[in-house]
Amino acid sequence: MDGFAAAAGSILFSRISMLSSHYRSSLRPMRTISRHSTAIAQYAVWLALAEKGIGANLQHYNPLIDEDIRTEWNVTPSWKLRAHMNFGAILSPASEKAFMGDEKRFIVAKQS
């Protein structure tokens, strides 16, 4: 976490758990929906920052840092960290990244 000290700020993304206690029979699907929802939120925030010319990096290294996060920001133990996004000035452009071709990443099934 010391490596991100120069960031302008940090955003902590948590699981969505408010509904889980109300819908015990749907707990497993709610966990999946929670993971999907927080992933979409992470992406949307990253895009919004990028649109404004603000750099960001997204870390998923929990539970390794959960206790540090709780201590640093006084977060309740019931809160479940999903991701940690640091944002600020863009110090250097992102490096090139090799991608697997779409024909290997996606399966297109056609109904006959």
Protein backbone atom coordinates (compact mmCIF):
# COMPACT_ATOMS: atom_id res chain seq x y z
CA MET A 1 0.00 0.00 0.00
CA ASP A 2 2.96 2.31 0.54
CA GLY A 3 3.59 2.22 -3.21
CA PHE A 4 0.27 4.00 -3.79
CA ALA A 5 0.94 6.85 -1.35
CA ALA A 6 1.35 9.36 -4.21
CA ALA A 7 -2.20 8.70 -5.46
CA ALA A 8 -4.68 11.55 -5.25
CA GLY A 9 -7.12 9.15 -3.62
CA SER A 10 -8.37 5.61 -3.23
CA ILE A 11 -11.73 4.00 -3.84
CA LEU A 12 -12.64 0.85 -1.93
CA PHE A 13 -15.20 -1.43 -3.53
CA SER A 14 -17.20 -3.72 -1.27
CA ARG A 15 -19.57 -6.59 -1.86
CA ILE A 16 -23.25 -5.80 -1.98
CA SER A 17 -24.76 -7.62 0.98
CA MET A 18 -27.78 -5.62 2.11
CA LEU A 19 -30.27 -7.91 0.40
CA SER A 20 -28.64 -11.19 1.38
CA SER A 21 -30.14 -11.27 4.87
CA HIS A 22 -33.64 -10.70 3.47
CA TYR A 23 -33.45 -13.46 0.88
CA ARG A 24 -31.79 -16.44 2.57
CA SER A 25 -33.08 -18.87 -0.09
CA SER A 26 -31.37 -16.77 -2.76
CA LEU A 27 -28.04 -16.37 -0.98
CA ARG A 28 -25.91 -18.15 -3.60
CA PRO A 29 -27.34 -16.18 -6.56
CA MET A 30 -27.05 -12.96 -4.53
CA ARG A 31 -23.32 -13.59 -4.01
CA THR A 32 -22.86 -13.99 -7.74
CA ILE A 33 -24.92 -10.88 -8.46
CA SER A 34 -22.86 -9.00 -5.86
CA ARG A 35 -19.60 -9.96 -7.57
CA HIS A 36 -20.97 -8.95 -10.96
CA SER A 37 -22.36 -5.67 -9.63
CA THR A 38 -19.13 -4.59 -8.00
CA ALA A 39 -17.16 -5.54 -11.14
CA ILE A 40 -19.44 -3.36 -13.27
CA ALA A 41 -19.06 -0.51 -10.77
CA GLN A 42 -15.26 -0.83 -10.88
CA TYR A 43 -15.27 -0.68 -14.67
CA ALA A 44 -17.70 2.27 -14.78
CA VAL A 45 -15.62 4.27 -12.30
CA TRP A 46 -12.42 3.50 -14.23
CA LEU A 47 -14.04 4.66 -17.48
CA ALA A 48 -15.36 7.84 -15.82
CA LEU A 49 -11.89 8.67 -14.47
CA ALA A 50 -10.25 7.92 -17.84
CA GLU A 51 -12.75 10.19 -19.60
CA LYS A 52 -11.55 13.03 -17.36
CA GLY A 53 -7.87 12.22 -18.02
CA ILE A 54 -7.33 10.75 -14.56
CA GLY A 55 -5.16 7.66 -14.24
CA ALA A 56 -6.18 4.67 -12.14
CA ASN A 57 -5.00 1.22 -11.17
CA LEU A 58 -7.21 -1.48 -9.79
CA GLN A 59 -5.97 -4.03 -7.26
CA HIS A 60 -7.59 -7.30 -6.20
CA TYR A 61 -5.18 -8.47 -3.52
CA ASN A 62 -7.59 -9.10 -0.73
CA PRO A 63 -7.82 -10.78 1.73
CA LEU A 64 -4.10 -10.04 2.13
CA ILE A 65 -4.74 -6.37 2.94
CA ASP A 66 -8.18 -6.54 4.55
CA GLU A 67 -6.90 -5.84 8.06
CA ASP A 68 -4.71 -2.95 6.85
CA ILE A 69 -7.72 -1.45 5.05
CA ARG A 70 -9.89 -1.75 8.16
CA THR A 71 -7.24 -0.05 10.27
CA GLU A 72 -6.29 2.67 7.76
CA TRP A 73 -9.84 3.78 6.96
CA ASN A 74 -11.71 2.61 10.08
CA VAL A 75 -13.83 0.15 8.09
CA THR A 76 -16.21 -2.14 9.97
CA PRO A 77 -15.19 -5.84 10.03
CA SER A 78 -18.48 -6.84 8.36
CA TRP A 79 -17.43 -4.89 5.27
CA LYS A 80 -15.94 -7.16 2.57
CA LEU A 81 -13.31 -5.60 0.32
CA ARG A 82 -13.57 -6.64 -3.34
CA ALA A 83 -11.17 -4.17 -4.98
CA HIS A 84 -8.99 -1.15 -4.25
CA MET A 85 -8.63 1.55 -6.93
CA ASN A 86 -6.02 4.27 -6.66
CA PHE A 87 -6.37 7.32 -8.88
CA GLY A 88 -4.43 10.44 -9.75
CA ALA A 89 -2.11 11.90 -12.35
CA ILE A 90 -1.01 9.74 -15.27
CA LEU A 91 2.75 9.46 -14.78
CA SER A 92 3.37 7.29 -17.86
CA PRO A 93 1.16 5.75 -20.53
CA ALA A 94 0.01 2.19 -20.08
CA SER A 95 2.33 -0.37 -21.64
CA GLU A 96 1.27 -2.47 -24.60
CA LYS A 97 -0.58 -5.64 -23.70
CA ALA A 98 -0.86 -8.78 -25.79
CA PHE A 99 -4.38 -10.09 -26.19
CA MET A 100 -5.67 -13.51 -27.07
CA GLY A 101 -7.67 -13.45 -30.30
CA ASP A 102 -11.45 -13.26 -30.04
CA GLU A 103 -11.75 -16.61 -31.83
CA LYS A 104 -10.07 -18.23 -28.80
CA ARG A 105 -11.72 -16.11 -26.09
CA PHE A 106 -15.32 -16.40 -27.23
CA ILE A 107 -17.51 -19.25 -28.35
CA VAL A 108 -20.23 -18.33 -30.76
CA ALA A 109 -23.00 -20.91 -30.85
CA LYS A 110 -25.53 -20.72 -33.62
CA GLN A 111 -28.91 -22.37 -33.40
CA SER A 112 -29.96 -24.31 -36.44
